[in-house]
Structures are given as structure tokens and as C-alpha cells.
Amino acid sequence: MLDKISQSLNRFFTPNRISLSVCLVVAIAGWFLTKMSKVYTHQLTYTLKYALPTNATFDQNPPVRLDVDLRASGWSLLSLIRENDSIEVIASELSGKPTSAKIFLSEKLGQWAGDELNLITTDPEQIQFTLVEKESKKVPVILNGDLVLDPQFEWREPVKIEPDSITIFGSSQHLAETTSWSTRSFSKTNISKDFTERIALEKSSLALETDSSHIWLTGSVDQITEKEIYVPIQVADSLKGNISIFPDQALVKVNLGLRHYDQIEVSEFLLIAEPDPSDPGSLRVVVKEYPDFVTYLAHTPESVDYLRSNP
């Protein structure tokens, strides 16, 4: 078996084929070395990560990324690509000193790729900020979104935000200008069951930080149902003792949550029969009071007849 394999290899690797293979390898290596020695224009992006002293913050948002157009040999570019795409900035060294981004990057990138770099442009052109004392305060959280109930449901209780306030950190000026913190935009529709959801807060910045990135939103709902209840009709004070009305009760229809269905009481309604300017022969029935947990729909009758009992 081994003899057959050896014979096959010998037949394939003839002197001519071996010579040709060596030439191809040398040619490819030469082409690669030539290409890597040439100078190219390329764009790179670097993230700036700031090292801050304790209890210090920025007076304004510093740049968090630098886009750079540069010219360098293929070998230098390969060295840069192999390195991390983030650069540490010692904030205390640049505070209050507008610094050319091109010079700053040249020093940093030169450590990785030597001096064979030519930085053409950077965006932004300058790194500029001043460190100030970090302060803090609490601000309320504001919902920036839509909560839409299914038409057959109502809120059992107000929606809960936890926490309903957060601590923000920044300069005294930034804190004075910030009175609340908003959630990111969201939408929740056709709500028909209880829920607890994590809602992201608006992103903080280097100059204004928060102690939380999200809040929890909790909502409880109740299905709406209809109920009919007979309620006595009272006579207006100006007519009491002078008339008798008929009928003396009305059928009131209301919408309410299921949890209140068995709690509703007749005594929570007040229906008054009072003069109707448009029809002197009858009295109109007006609903003066009803529970705040119901949605009033209608009552029957809307007017009543009367007889004078004391002419």
C-alpha cells in the first residue's frame, strides 16, 4: 500500500512540476512583499476612552471617537489593524489645553506602527475640554412613550415607575439645566393584561451620567363590563312637598371594572327631577352624582311626569 502511494507521489512531483511550484511560491512572496511595501491611503476610526480623576467630570462632552485619514505602508497599516481600536486618554493631561487630534494620534499610533505614518486629516480636529468638580442630584423619571389600553379594559391603578427618580452626576451647570430624565421612546398598544417591562432611559453622556440605565414599568388592568342598577329619583328642593313624580326610580346603565361589579351601591348615585324649560308638563331627570370608578352611560327615563299634591 505504501509503495503504491510513494509511486503515485513520484509520478506527480516530477522535476518540472517541482521547479514550477517553487517559481510560483517565489513569485507570490515577491508580489506580497512589493504590495506591502507600497504606500496606501486609508481611513480608520478610534474610540477614545477617558481615565478620569476621582470626583471629576467634564464641563462639556469631549469627542468619543476620532476618524482619521492617513497614508502609510502596507506593513504599518497591518500593524495598526492588529492593535486595539480604542485609545486611552489621561483626561487630567489634556484638561484646559486644546489639543490637536492629529498630533495626539500621531504620538499614540507611532507607538504601534513606528514613524512611517502620515496623518492627513482627523475629525474632529481638536480634543478640547476642562475638568470640573463632579456633583450629583436626584431628578424624576419622565415616560416618553404611549400606553394604549384595549378598548375593553381600564387601568386598575396608576402605572408604577420603579425607580421613579434617578441620581445624575455632572458639573453644577449641567445639573442646574437638567430637571428630569426621560425614557427612550416606546409604544405599547392593545394592553389587555398586567405587565412589568424594562424600559431603557435616554443614554447618558461623559459630561452627564446616571446611576441607572433603565426603569421598570408596571401596569395592572381590569376588564370593563356593563351594569344596570335601579336608582330612586329625588325631587328638587324647590319642589319638595308640592308634587309627586312617576315613575320614582330610573334604570341607570354604567361601565365599570369587574373588580367593582359587586361593590357598587345605590346610595352612591344621586338623581334629581327638576323643571325642564323645554317641556313645562314634565320634569327632566339629571344625574348629579355617581361613583368615580364608573363611566356613566345612560339612564331611563330621562324625564318624569308629576302631579301637584299641594295646589
C-alpha atoms as a PDB file:
ATOM      1  CA  MET A   1       0.000   0.000   0.000  1.00  0.00           C
ATOM      2  CA  LEU A   2       2.757   2.426   0.980  1.00  0.00           C
ATOM      3  CA  ASP A   3       4.673   1.517  -2.152  1.00  0.00           C
ATOM      4  CA  LYS A   4       1.681   2.458  -4.316  1.00  0.00           C
ATOM      5  CA  ILE A   5       1.327   5.836  -2.566  1.00  0.00           C
ATOM      6  CA  SER A   6       5.048   6.518  -2.951  1.00  0.00           C
ATOM      7  CA  GLN A   7       4.923   5.666  -6.645  1.00  0.00           C
ATOM      8  CA  SER A   8       1.905   7.970  -7.167  1.00  0.00           C
ATOM      9  CA  LEU A   9       3.688  10.877  -5.467  1.00  0.00           C
ATOM     10  CA  ASN A  10       6.809  10.331  -7.509  1.00  0.00           C
ATOM     11  CA  ARG A  11       4.788  10.341 -10.723  1.00  0.00           C
ATOM     12  CA  PHE A  12       3.022  13.599  -9.704  1.00  0.00           C
ATOM     13  CA  PHE A  13       6.015  15.544  -8.351  1.00  0.00           C
ATOM     14  CA  THR A  14       8.135  15.460 -11.423  1.00  0.00           C
ATOM     15  CA  PRO A  15      11.223  17.719 -11.595  1.00  0.00           C
ATOM     16  CA  ASN A  16       9.370  20.114 -13.890  1.00  0.00           C
ATOM     17  CA  ARG A  17       6.391  20.405 -11.560  1.00  0.00           C
ATOM     18  CA  ILE A  18       8.602  20.946  -8.524  1.00  0.00           C
ATOM     19  CA  SER A  19      10.517  23.669 -10.343  1.00  0.00           C
ATOM     20  CA  LEU A  20       7.274  25.376 -11.408  1.00  0.00           C
ATOM     21  CA  SER A  21       5.854  25.236  -7.856  1.00  0.00           C
ATOM     22  CA  VAL A  22       8.985  26.859  -6.429  1.00  0.00           C
ATOM     23  CA  CYS A  23       8.747  29.629  -9.007  1.00  0.00           C
ATOM     24  CA  LEU A  24       5.089  30.267  -8.122  1.00  0.00           C
ATOM     25  CA  VAL A  25       5.838  30.476  -4.388  1.00  0.00           C
ATOM     26  CA  VAL A  26       8.724  32.874  -5.002  1.00  0.00           C
ATOM     27  CA  ALA A  27       6.560  34.994  -7.323  1.00  0.00           C
ATOM     28  CA  ILE A  28       3.686  35.198  -4.832  1.00  0.00           C
ATOM     29  CA  ALA A  29       6.065  36.065  -1.993  1.00  0.00           C
ATOM     30  CA  GLY A  30       7.699  38.745  -4.130  1.00  0.00           C
ATOM     31  CA  TRP A  31       4.309  40.179  -5.131  1.00  0.00           C
ATOM     32  CA  PHE A  32       3.169  40.252  -1.481  1.00  0.00           C
ATOM     33  CA  LEU A  33       6.370  41.959  -0.298  1.00  0.00           C
ATOM     34  CA  THR A  34       6.112  44.518  -3.092  1.00  0.00           C
ATOM     35  CA  LYS A  35       2.470  45.306  -2.306  1.00  0.00           C
ATOM     36  CA  MET A  36       3.074  45.587   1.438  1.00  0.00           C
ATOM     37  CA  SER A  37       5.964  47.991   0.836  1.00  0.00           C
ATOM     38  CA  LYS A  38       3.803  50.409  -1.128  1.00  0.00           C
ATOM     39  CA  VAL A  39       2.120  53.429   0.499  1.00  0.00           C
ATOM     40  CA  TYR A  40      -1.685  53.485   0.778  1.00  0.00           C
ATOM     41  CA  THR A  41      -4.326  55.984   1.889  1.00  0.00           C
ATOM     42  CA  HIS A  42      -6.754  54.533   4.411  1.00  0.00           C
ATOM     43  CA  GLN A  43      -9.406  55.647   6.908  1.00  0.00           C
ATOM     44  CA  LEU A  44      -9.510  54.319  10.459  1.00  0.00           C
ATOM     45  CA  THR A  45     -11.771  55.056  13.431  1.00  0.00           C
ATOM     46  CA  TYR A  46     -10.626  55.030  17.045  1.00  0.00           C
ATOM     47  CA  THR A  47     -12.723  55.114  20.207  1.00  0.00           C
ATOM     48  CA  LEU A  48     -11.429  57.387  22.957  1.00  0.00           C
ATOM     49  CA  LYS A  49     -11.671  56.031  26.490  1.00  0.00           C
ATOM     50  CA  TYR A  50     -11.061  58.651  29.169  1.00  0.00           C
ATOM     51  CA  ALA A  51      -9.383  57.972  32.512  1.00  0.00           C
ATOM     52  CA  LEU A  52     -10.816  60.496  34.985  1.00  0.00           C
ATOM     53  CA  PRO A  53      -9.586  61.557  38.423  1.00  0.00           C
ATOM     54  CA  THR A  54     -11.923  60.757  41.307  1.00  0.00           C
ATOM     55  CA  ASN A  55     -14.808  63.261  41.719  1.00  0.00           C
ATOM     56  CA  ALA A  56     -14.033  64.974  38.405  1.00  0.00           C
ATOM     57  CA  THR A  57     -16.181  65.350  35.307  1.00  0.00           C
ATOM     58  CA  PHE A  58     -16.218  67.236  32.004  1.00  0.00           C
ATOM     59  CA  ASP A  59     -17.510  70.763  31.507  1.00  0.00           C
ATOM     60  CA  GLN A  60     -18.728  69.631  28.074  1.00  0.00           C
ATOM     61  CA  ASN A  61     -18.913  66.387  26.169  1.00  0.00           C
ATOM     62  CA  PRO A  62     -15.465  65.562  24.764  1.00  0.00           C
ATOM     63  CA  PRO A  63     -15.126  63.618  21.498  1.00  0.00           C
ATOM     64  CA  VAL A  64     -15.621  59.892  21.976  1.00  0.00           C
ATOM     65  CA  ARG A  65     -14.261  58.855  18.569  1.00  0.00           C
ATOM     66  CA  LEU A  66     -11.709  60.060  16.065  1.00  0.00           C
ATOM     67  CA  ASP A  67     -11.938  59.405  12.333  1.00  0.00           C
ATOM     68  CA  VAL A  68      -8.545  59.681  10.676  1.00  0.00           C
ATOM     69  CA  ASP A  69      -7.365  59.617   7.061  1.00  0.00           C
ATOM     70  CA  LEU A  70      -3.729  58.537   6.853  1.00  0.00           C
ATOM     71  CA  ARG A  71      -1.031  57.421   4.449  1.00  0.00           C
ATOM     72  CA  ALA A  72       1.190  54.539   5.419  1.00  0.00           C
ATOM     73  CA  SER A  73       2.885  51.465   4.037  1.00  0.00           C
ATOM     74  CA  GLY A  74       1.044  48.174   3.968  1.00  0.00           C
ATOM     75  CA  TRP A  75       3.244  46.914   6.811  1.00  0.00           C
ATOM     76  CA  SER A  76       2.356  49.902   9.002  1.00  0.00           C
ATOM     77  CA  LEU A  77      -1.350  49.532   8.254  1.00  0.00           C
ATOM     78  CA  LEU A  78      -1.143  45.852   9.127  1.00  0.00           C
ATOM     79  CA  SER A  79       0.429  46.782  12.472  1.00  0.00           C
ATOM     80  CA  LEU A  80      -2.394  49.256  13.193  1.00  0.00           C
ATOM     81  CA  ILE A  81      -5.141  46.814  12.261  1.00  0.00           C
ATOM     82  CA  ARG A  82      -3.675  44.225  14.619  1.00  0.00           C
ATOM     83  CA  GLU A  83      -3.857  46.666  17.550  1.00  0.00           C
ATOM     84  CA  ASN A  84      -6.880  47.665  19.635  1.00  0.00           C
ATOM     85  CA  ASP A  85      -9.224  50.213  18.048  1.00  0.00           C
ATOM     86  CA  SER A  86      -9.574  52.161  21.312  1.00  0.00           C
ATOM     87  CA  ILE A  87      -7.142  54.686  22.759  1.00  0.00           C
ATOM     88  CA  GLU A  88      -6.881  55.630  26.422  1.00  0.00           C
ATOM     89  CA  VAL A  89      -6.849  59.341  27.196  1.00  0.00           C
ATOM     90  CA  ILE A  90      -5.497  60.555  30.535  1.00  0.00           C
ATOM     91  CA  ALA A  91      -8.034  63.351  30.982  1.00  0.00           C
ATOM     92  CA  SER A  92      -6.001  65.325  33.521  1.00  0.00           C
ATOM     93  CA  GLU A  93      -3.159  65.704  30.989  1.00  0.00           C
ATOM     94  CA  LEU A  94      -5.387  67.392  28.374  1.00  0.00           C
ATOM     95  CA  SER A  95      -7.748  69.345  30.651  1.00  0.00           C
ATOM     96  CA  GLY A  96      -7.909  73.010  29.702  1.00  0.00           C
ATOM     97  CA  LYS A  97      -5.427  72.504  26.862  1.00  0.00           C
ATOM     98  CA  PRO A  98      -6.960  72.414  23.368  1.00  0.00           C
ATOM     99  CA  THR A  99      -5.017  69.615  21.700  1.00  0.00           C
ATOM    100  CA  SER A 100      -4.566  68.880  18.023  1.00  0.00           C
ATOM    101  CA  ALA A 101      -6.127  65.489  17.353  1.00  0.00           C
ATOM    102  CA  LYS A 102      -3.567  64.911  14.605  1.00  0.00           C
ATOM    103  CA  ILE A 103      -0.613  65.399  16.970  1.00  0.00           C
ATOM    104  CA  PHE A 104      -2.280  63.346  19.705  1.00  0.00           C
ATOM    105  CA  LEU A 105      -2.958  60.443  17.336  1.00  0.00           C
ATOM    106  CA  SER A 106       0.484  60.613  15.763  1.00  0.00           C
ATOM    107  CA  GLU A 107       2.071  60.040  19.162  1.00  0.00           C
ATOM    108  CA  LYS A 108      -0.254  57.170  20.032  1.00  0.00           C
ATOM    109  CA  LEU A 109      -0.187  55.406  16.667  1.00  0.00           C
ATOM    110  CA  GLY A 110       3.538  55.880  16.320  1.00  0.00           C
ATOM    111  CA  GLN A 111       3.983  53.511  19.274  1.00  0.00           C
ATOM    112  CA  TRP A 112       2.329  50.761  17.223  1.00  0.00           C
ATOM    113  CA  ALA A 113       3.475  51.445  13.678  1.00  0.00           C
ATOM    114  CA  GLY A 114       6.670  53.420  14.078  1.00  0.00           C
ATOM    115  CA  ASP A 115       7.197  56.772  12.389  1.00  0.00           C
ATOM    116  CA  GLU A 116       6.058  55.700   8.922  1.00  0.00           C
ATOM    117  CA  LEU A 117       2.632  57.322   9.288  1.00  0.00           C
ATOM    118  CA  ASN A 118       1.352  60.460   7.624  1.00  0.00           C
ATOM    119  CA  LEU A 119      -1.928  61.649   9.170  1.00  0.00           C
ATOM    120  CA  ILE A 120      -3.804  63.676   6.564  1.00  0.00           C
ATOM    121  CA  THR A 121      -6.984  64.738   8.397  1.00  0.00           C
ATOM    122  CA  THR A 122      -8.824  63.959  11.614  1.00  0.00           C
ATOM    123  CA  ASP A 123     -12.444  64.504  12.594  1.00  0.00           C
ATOM    124  CA  PRO A 124     -12.731  66.317  14.922  1.00  0.00           C
ATOM    125  CA  GLU A 125      -9.584  68.365  14.514  1.00  0.00           C
ATOM    126  CA  GLN A 126      -9.235  69.187  18.225  1.00  0.00           C
ATOM    127  CA  ILE A 127      -9.708  67.481  21.574  1.00  0.00           C
ATOM    128  CA  GLN A 128     -10.921  70.165  23.940  1.00  0.00           C
ATOM    129  CA  PHE A 129     -12.451  70.021  27.435  1.00  0.00           C
ATOM    130  CA  THR A 130     -11.927  71.160  31.004  1.00  0.00           C
ATOM    131  CA  LEU A 131     -12.301  69.003  34.084  1.00  0.00           C
ATOM    132  CA  VAL A 132     -14.564  70.337  36.847  1.00  0.00           C
ATOM    133  CA  GLU A 133     -15.832  69.013  40.152  1.00  0.00           C
ATOM    134  CA  LYS A 134     -18.445  66.267  39.857  1.00  0.00           C
ATOM    135  CA  GLU A 135     -21.730  66.899  41.678  1.00  0.00           C
ATOM    136  CA  SER A 136     -24.981  64.953  41.899  1.00  0.00           C
ATOM    137  CA  LYS A 137     -28.726  65.369  42.375  1.00  0.00           C
ATOM    138  CA  LYS A 138     -31.955  63.389  42.044  1.00  0.00           C
ATOM    139  CA  VAL A 139     -34.395  64.057  39.204  1.00  0.00           C
ATOM    140  CA  PRO A 140     -37.768  62.478  38.356  1.00  0.00           C
ATOM    141  CA  VAL A 141     -38.116  59.998  35.510  1.00  0.00           C
ATOM    142  CA  ILE A 142     -40.477  61.043  32.705  1.00  0.00           C
ATOM    143  CA  LEU A 143     -42.151  58.482  30.448  1.00  0.00           C
ATOM    144  CA  ASN A 144     -41.637  59.186  26.756  1.00  0.00           C
ATOM    145  CA  GLY A 145     -43.999  56.685  25.214  1.00  0.00           C
ATOM    146  CA  ASP A 146     -47.527  55.525  24.505  1.00  0.00           C
ATOM    147  CA  LEU A 147     -49.561  53.194  26.697  1.00  0.00           C
ATOM    148  CA  VAL A 148     -52.805  52.330  24.908  1.00  0.00           C
ATOM    149  CA  LEU A 149     -55.377  50.069  26.524  1.00  0.00           C
ATOM    150  CA  ASP A 150     -57.521  47.551  24.711  1.00  0.00           C
ATOM    151  CA  PRO A 151     -60.988  49.197  24.422  1.00  0.00           C
ATOM    152  CA  GLN A 152     -62.439  46.550  26.758  1.00  0.00           C
ATOM    153  CA  PHE A 153     -60.005  47.283  29.596  1.00  0.00           C
ATOM    154  CA  GLU A 154     -59.202  50.069  32.061  1.00  0.00           C
ATOM    155  CA  TRP A 155     -56.366  50.768  34.476  1.00  0.00           C
ATOM    156  CA  ARG A 156     -56.813  49.102  37.845  1.00  0.00           C
ATOM    157  CA  GLU A 157     -54.451  51.675  39.358  1.00  0.00           C
ATOM    158  CA  PRO A 158     -51.961  54.268  38.090  1.00  0.00           C
ATOM    159  CA  VAL A 159     -48.971  52.861  36.227  1.00  0.00           C
ATOM    160  CA  LYS A 160     -45.940  52.438  38.511  1.00  0.00           C
ATOM    161  CA  ILE A 161     -42.419  53.561  37.619  1.00  0.00           C
ATOM    162  CA  GLU A 162     -39.613  51.975  39.632  1.00  0.00           C
ATOM    163  CA  PRO A 163     -37.487  53.823  40.398  1.00  0.00           C
ATOM    164  CA  ASP A 164     -39.467  56.997  39.793  1.00  0.00           C
ATOM    165  CA  SER A 165     -36.320  59.110  40.174  1.00  0.00           C
ATOM    166  CA  ILE A 166     -32.618  58.617  39.473  1.00  0.00           C
ATOM    167  CA  THR A 167     -29.356  60.240  40.510  1.00  0.00           C
ATOM    168  CA  ILE A 168     -27.451  62.154  37.854  1.00  0.00           C
ATOM    169  CA  PHE A 169     -23.801  63.210  38.009  1.00  0.00           C
ATOM    170  CA  GLY A 170     -22.144  66.130  36.282  1.00  0.00           C
ATOM    171  CA  SER A 171     -20.999  69.719  36.589  1.00  0.00           C
ATOM    172  CA  SER A 172     -23.076  72.209  38.581  1.00  0.00           C
ATOM    173  CA  GLN A 173     -24.092  73.896  35.323  1.00  0.00           C
ATOM    174  CA  HIS A 174     -25.322  70.679  33.718  1.00  0.00           C
ATOM    175  CA  LEU A 175     -27.208  69.712  36.870  1.00  0.00           C
ATOM    176  CA  ALA A 176     -28.903  73.116  37.034  1.00  0.00           C
ATOM    177  CA  GLU A 177     -30.068  72.732  33.429  1.00  0.00           C
ATOM    178  CA  THR A 178     -31.450  69.209  33.961  1.00  0.00           C
ATOM    179  CA  THR A 179     -34.771  68.958  35.816  1.00  0.00           C
ATOM    180  CA  SER A 180     -35.862  65.460  34.724  1.00  0.00           C
ATOM    181  CA  TRP A 181     -34.682  62.413  32.813  1.00  0.00           C
ATOM    182  CA  SER A 182     -36.689  60.805  30.043  1.00  0.00           C
ATOM    183  CA  THR A 183     -37.058  57.218  28.970  1.00  0.00           C
ATOM    184  CA  ARG A 184     -36.318  56.315  25.399  1.00  0.00           C
ATOM    185  CA  SER A 185     -39.322  56.422  23.119  1.00  0.00           C
ATOM    186  CA  PHE A 186     -41.552  53.345  23.379  1.00  0.00           C
ATOM    187  CA  SER A 187     -45.039  52.207  22.420  1.00  0.00           C
ATOM    188  CA  LYS A 188     -47.266  49.556  23.978  1.00  0.00           C
ATOM    189  CA  THR A 189     -50.736  49.119  22.491  1.00  0.00           C
ATOM    190  CA  ASN A 190     -53.815  46.912  22.952  1.00  0.00           C
ATOM    191  CA  ILE A 191     -52.953  46.306  26.599  1.00  0.00           C
ATOM    192  CA  SER A 192     -55.258  43.613  27.986  1.00  0.00           C
ATOM    193  CA  LYS A 193     -53.262  42.047  30.818  1.00  0.00           C
ATOM    194  CA  ASP A 194     -50.992  43.042  33.681  1.00  0.00           C
ATOM    195  CA  PHE A 195     -47.385  43.680  32.710  1.00  0.00           C
ATOM    196  CA  THR A 196     -43.954  44.554  34.045  1.00  0.00           C
ATOM    197  CA  GLU A 197     -41.470  45.763  31.457  1.00  0.00           C
ATOM    198  CA  ARG A 198     -37.939  47.081  31.441  1.00  0.00           C
ATOM    199  CA  ILE A 199     -37.789  50.481  29.729  1.00  0.00           C
ATOM    200  CA  ALA A 200     -34.446  51.993  28.733  1.00  0.00           C
ATOM    201  CA  LEU A 201     -33.590  55.520  29.829  1.00  0.00           C
ATOM    202  CA  GLU A 202     -32.165  58.105  27.473  1.00  0.00           C
ATOM    203  CA  LYS A 203     -28.466  57.490  27.046  1.00  0.00           C
ATOM    204  CA  SER A 204     -26.180  59.363  29.383  1.00  0.00           C
ATOM    205  CA  SER A 205     -23.009  61.110  28.232  1.00  0.00           C
ATOM    206  CA  LEU A 206     -19.499  61.620  29.528  1.00  0.00           C
ATOM    207  CA  ALA A 207     -20.484  65.049  30.862  1.00  0.00           C
ATOM    208  CA  LEU A 208     -23.783  63.899  32.399  1.00  0.00           C
ATOM    209  CA  GLU A 209     -24.014  60.397  33.831  1.00  0.00           C
ATOM    210  CA  THR A 210     -26.798  58.469  35.566  1.00  0.00           C
ATOM    211  CA  ASP A 211     -26.835  55.783  38.234  1.00  0.00           C
ATOM    212  CA  SER A 212     -29.241  53.651  36.195  1.00  0.00           C
ATOM    213  CA  SER A 213     -29.757  52.776  32.538  1.00  0.00           C
ATOM    214  CA  HIS A 214     -33.390  51.659  32.805  1.00  0.00           C
ATOM    215  CA  ILE A 215     -36.571  51.659  34.882  1.00  0.00           C
ATOM    216  CA  TRP A 216     -39.293  49.058  35.445  1.00  0.00           C
ATOM    217  CA  LEU A 217     -42.806  49.907  34.302  1.00  0.00           C
ATOM    218  CA  THR A 218     -45.693  48.027  35.937  1.00  0.00           C
ATOM    219  CA  GLY A 219     -49.324  48.231  34.895  1.00  0.00           C
ATOM    220  CA  SER A 220     -52.446  46.487  36.217  1.00  0.00           C
ATOM    221  CA  VAL A 221     -55.624  46.349  34.152  1.00  0.00           C
ATOM    222  CA  ASP A 222     -59.224  45.314  34.700  1.00  0.00           C
ATOM    223  CA  GLN A 223     -61.793  44.220  32.148  1.00  0.00           C
ATOM    224  CA  ILE A 224     -64.694  46.611  31.630  1.00  0.00           C
ATOM    225  CA  THR A 225     -68.258  45.366  31.942  1.00  0.00           C
ATOM    226  CA  GLU A 226     -71.701  46.961  31.923  1.00  0.00           C
ATOM    227  CA  LYS A 227     -74.113  47.033  34.847  1.00  0.00           C
ATOM    228  CA  GLU A 228     -77.690  48.222  35.254  1.00  0.00           C
ATOM    229  CA  ILE A 229     -78.979  49.479  38.575  1.00  0.00           C
ATOM    230  CA  TYR A 230     -82.290  50.999  39.680  1.00  0.00           C
ATOM    231  CA  VAL A 231     -81.838  54.302  41.491  1.00  0.00           C
ATOM    232  CA  PRO A 232     -84.574  56.344  43.284  1.00  0.00           C
ATOM    233  CA  ILE A 233     -85.329  59.742  41.753  1.00  0.00           C
ATOM    234  CA  GLN A 234     -85.422  62.622  44.210  1.00  0.00           C
ATOM    235  CA  VAL A 235     -87.386  65.823  43.709  1.00  0.00           C
ATOM    236  CA  ALA A 236     -85.551  69.139  43.504  1.00  0.00           C
ATOM    237  CA  ASP A 237     -85.590  71.095  46.788  1.00  0.00           C
ATOM    238  CA  SER A 238     -87.765  73.829  45.286  1.00  0.00           C
ATOM    239  CA  LEU A 239     -90.493  71.267  44.518  1.00  0.00           C
ATOM    240  CA  LYS A 240     -90.359  69.060  47.599  1.00  0.00           C
ATOM    241  CA  GLY A 241     -93.727  68.648  49.329  1.00  0.00           C
ATOM    242  CA  ASN A 242     -95.584  70.110  46.368  1.00  0.00           C
ATOM    243  CA  ILE A 243     -95.528  67.302  43.793  1.00  0.00           C
ATOM    244  CA  SER A 244     -95.470  63.574  43.350  1.00  0.00           C
ATOM    245  CA  ILE A 245     -93.498  62.073  40.453  1.00  0.00           C
ATOM    246  CA  PHE A 246     -93.944  58.902  38.481  1.00  0.00           C
ATOM    247  CA  PRO A 247     -92.048  56.798  37.909  1.00  0.00           C
ATOM    248  CA  ASP A 248     -89.999  57.458  41.032  1.00  0.00           C
ATOM    249  CA  GLN A 249     -86.911  55.495  40.022  1.00  0.00           C
ATOM    250  CA  ALA A 250     -84.683  55.215  36.958  1.00  0.00           C
ATOM    251  CA  LEU A 251     -82.638  52.447  35.386  1.00  0.00           C
ATOM    252  CA  VAL A 252     -79.025  53.642  35.226  1.00  0.00           C
ATOM    253  CA  LYS A 253     -76.501  51.950  32.924  1.00  0.00           C
ATOM    254  CA  VAL A 254     -72.787  52.315  33.661  1.00  0.00           C
ATOM    255  CA  ASN A 255     -69.456  50.829  32.603  1.00  0.00           C
ATOM    256  CA  LEU A 256     -67.097  49.682  35.348  1.00  0.00           C
ATOM    257  CA  GLY A 257     -64.229  47.334  36.049  1.00  0.00           C
ATOM    258  CA  LEU A 258     -65.064  43.773  37.022  1.00  0.00           C
ATOM    259  CA  ARG A 259     -63.471  44.268  40.441  1.00  0.00           C
ATOM    260  CA  HIS A 260     -66.136  46.900  41.272  1.00  0.00           C
ATOM    261  CA  TYR A 261     -69.120  44.968  39.926  1.00  0.00           C
ATOM    262  CA  ASP A 262     -70.354  43.776  43.338  1.00  0.00           C
ATOM    263  CA  GLN A 263     -69.182  46.875  45.215  1.00  0.00           C
ATOM    264  CA  ILE A 264     -71.418  49.478  43.597  1.00  0.00           C
ATOM    265  CA  GLU A 265     -74.210  50.833  45.848  1.00  0.00           C
ATOM    266  CA  VAL A 266     -77.440  52.642  45.017  1.00  0.00           C
ATOM    267  CA  SER A 267     -76.576  55.245  47.662  1.00  0.00           C
ATOM    268  CA  GLU A 268     -73.589  56.363  45.563  1.00  0.00           C
ATOM    269  CA  PHE A 269     -75.934  57.793  42.903  1.00  0.00           C
ATOM    270  CA  LEU A 270     -77.996  60.958  43.101  1.00  0.00           C
ATOM    271  CA  LEU A 271     -80.749  61.543  40.523  1.00  0.00           C
ATOM    272  CA  ILE A 272     -82.784  64.753  40.735  1.00  0.00           C
ATOM    273  CA  ALA A 273     -86.070  65.595  38.990  1.00  0.00           C
ATOM    274  CA  GLU A 274     -86.061  69.316  38.194  1.00  0.00           C
ATOM    275  CA  PRO A 275     -88.070  71.672  35.970  1.00  0.00           C
ATOM    276  CA  ASP A 276     -87.481  71.286  32.238  1.00  0.00           C
ATOM    277  CA  PRO A 277     -87.606  74.691  30.487  1.00  0.00           C
ATOM    278  CA  SER A 278     -88.354  72.994  27.158  1.00  0.00           C
ATOM    279  CA  ASP A 279     -91.321  70.977  28.496  1.00  0.00           C
ATOM    280  CA  PRO A 280     -93.315  72.531  31.373  1.00  0.00           C
ATOM    281  CA  GLY A 281     -95.520  69.433  31.558  1.00  0.00           C
ATOM    282  CA  SER A 282     -92.724  67.166  32.812  1.00  0.00           C
ATOM    283  CA  LEU A 283     -89.550  67.177  34.866  1.00  0.00           C
ATOM    284  CA  ARG A 284     -86.166  66.216  33.499  1.00  0.00           C
ATOM    285  CA  VAL A 285     -84.056  63.667  35.383  1.00  0.00           C
ATOM    286  CA  VAL A 286     -80.470  64.789  35.963  1.00  0.00           C
ATOM    287  CA  VAL A 287     -77.657  62.601  37.300  1.00  0.00           C
ATOM    288  CA  LYS A 288     -75.891  64.740  39.900  1.00  0.00           C
ATOM    289  CA  GLU A 289     -73.591  62.169  41.490  1.00  0.00           C
ATOM    290  CA  TYR A 290     -72.163  58.762  40.656  1.00  0.00           C
ATOM    291  CA  PRO A 291     -69.064  56.787  41.794  1.00  0.00           C
ATOM    292  CA  ASP A 292     -65.752  57.950  40.359  1.00  0.00           C
ATOM    293  CA  PHE A 293     -64.845  54.379  39.382  1.00  0.00           C
ATOM    294  CA  VAL A 294     -67.663  54.080  36.824  1.00  0.00           C
ATOM    295  CA  THR A 295     -68.210  55.575  33.396  1.00  0.00           C
ATOM    296  CA  TYR A 296     -71.762  56.876  33.143  1.00  0.00           C
ATOM    297  CA  LEU A 297     -73.650  55.701  30.058  1.00  0.00           C
ATOM    298  CA  ALA A 298     -77.369  56.491  30.230  1.00  0.00           C
ATOM    299  CA  HIS A 299     -80.493  56.439  32.371  1.00  0.00           C
ATOM    300  CA  THR A 300     -84.141  55.663  31.627  1.00  0.00           C
ATOM    301  CA  PRO A 301     -86.429  57.545  31.797  1.00  0.00           C
ATOM    302  CA  GLU A 302     -84.825  60.894  31.052  1.00  0.00           C
ATOM    303  CA  SER A 303     -87.951  62.735  32.211  1.00  0.00           C
ATOM    304  CA  VAL A 304     -90.868  62.022  34.564  1.00  0.00           C
ATOM    305  CA  ASP A 305     -94.462  63.171  34.897  1.00  0.00           C
ATOM    306  CA  TYR A 306     -95.746  64.757  38.076  1.00  0.00           C
ATOM    307  CA  LEU A 307     -98.899  65.614  39.984  1.00  0.00           C
ATOM    308  CA  ARG A 308     -99.237  68.536  42.310  1.00  0.00           C
ATOM    309  CA  SER A 309    -100.054  67.252  45.766  1.00  0.00           C
ATOM    310  CA  ASN A 310    -100.453  70.684  47.400  1.00  0.00           C
ATOM    311  CA  PRO A 311    -102.116  73.082  44.934  1.00  0.00           C
END
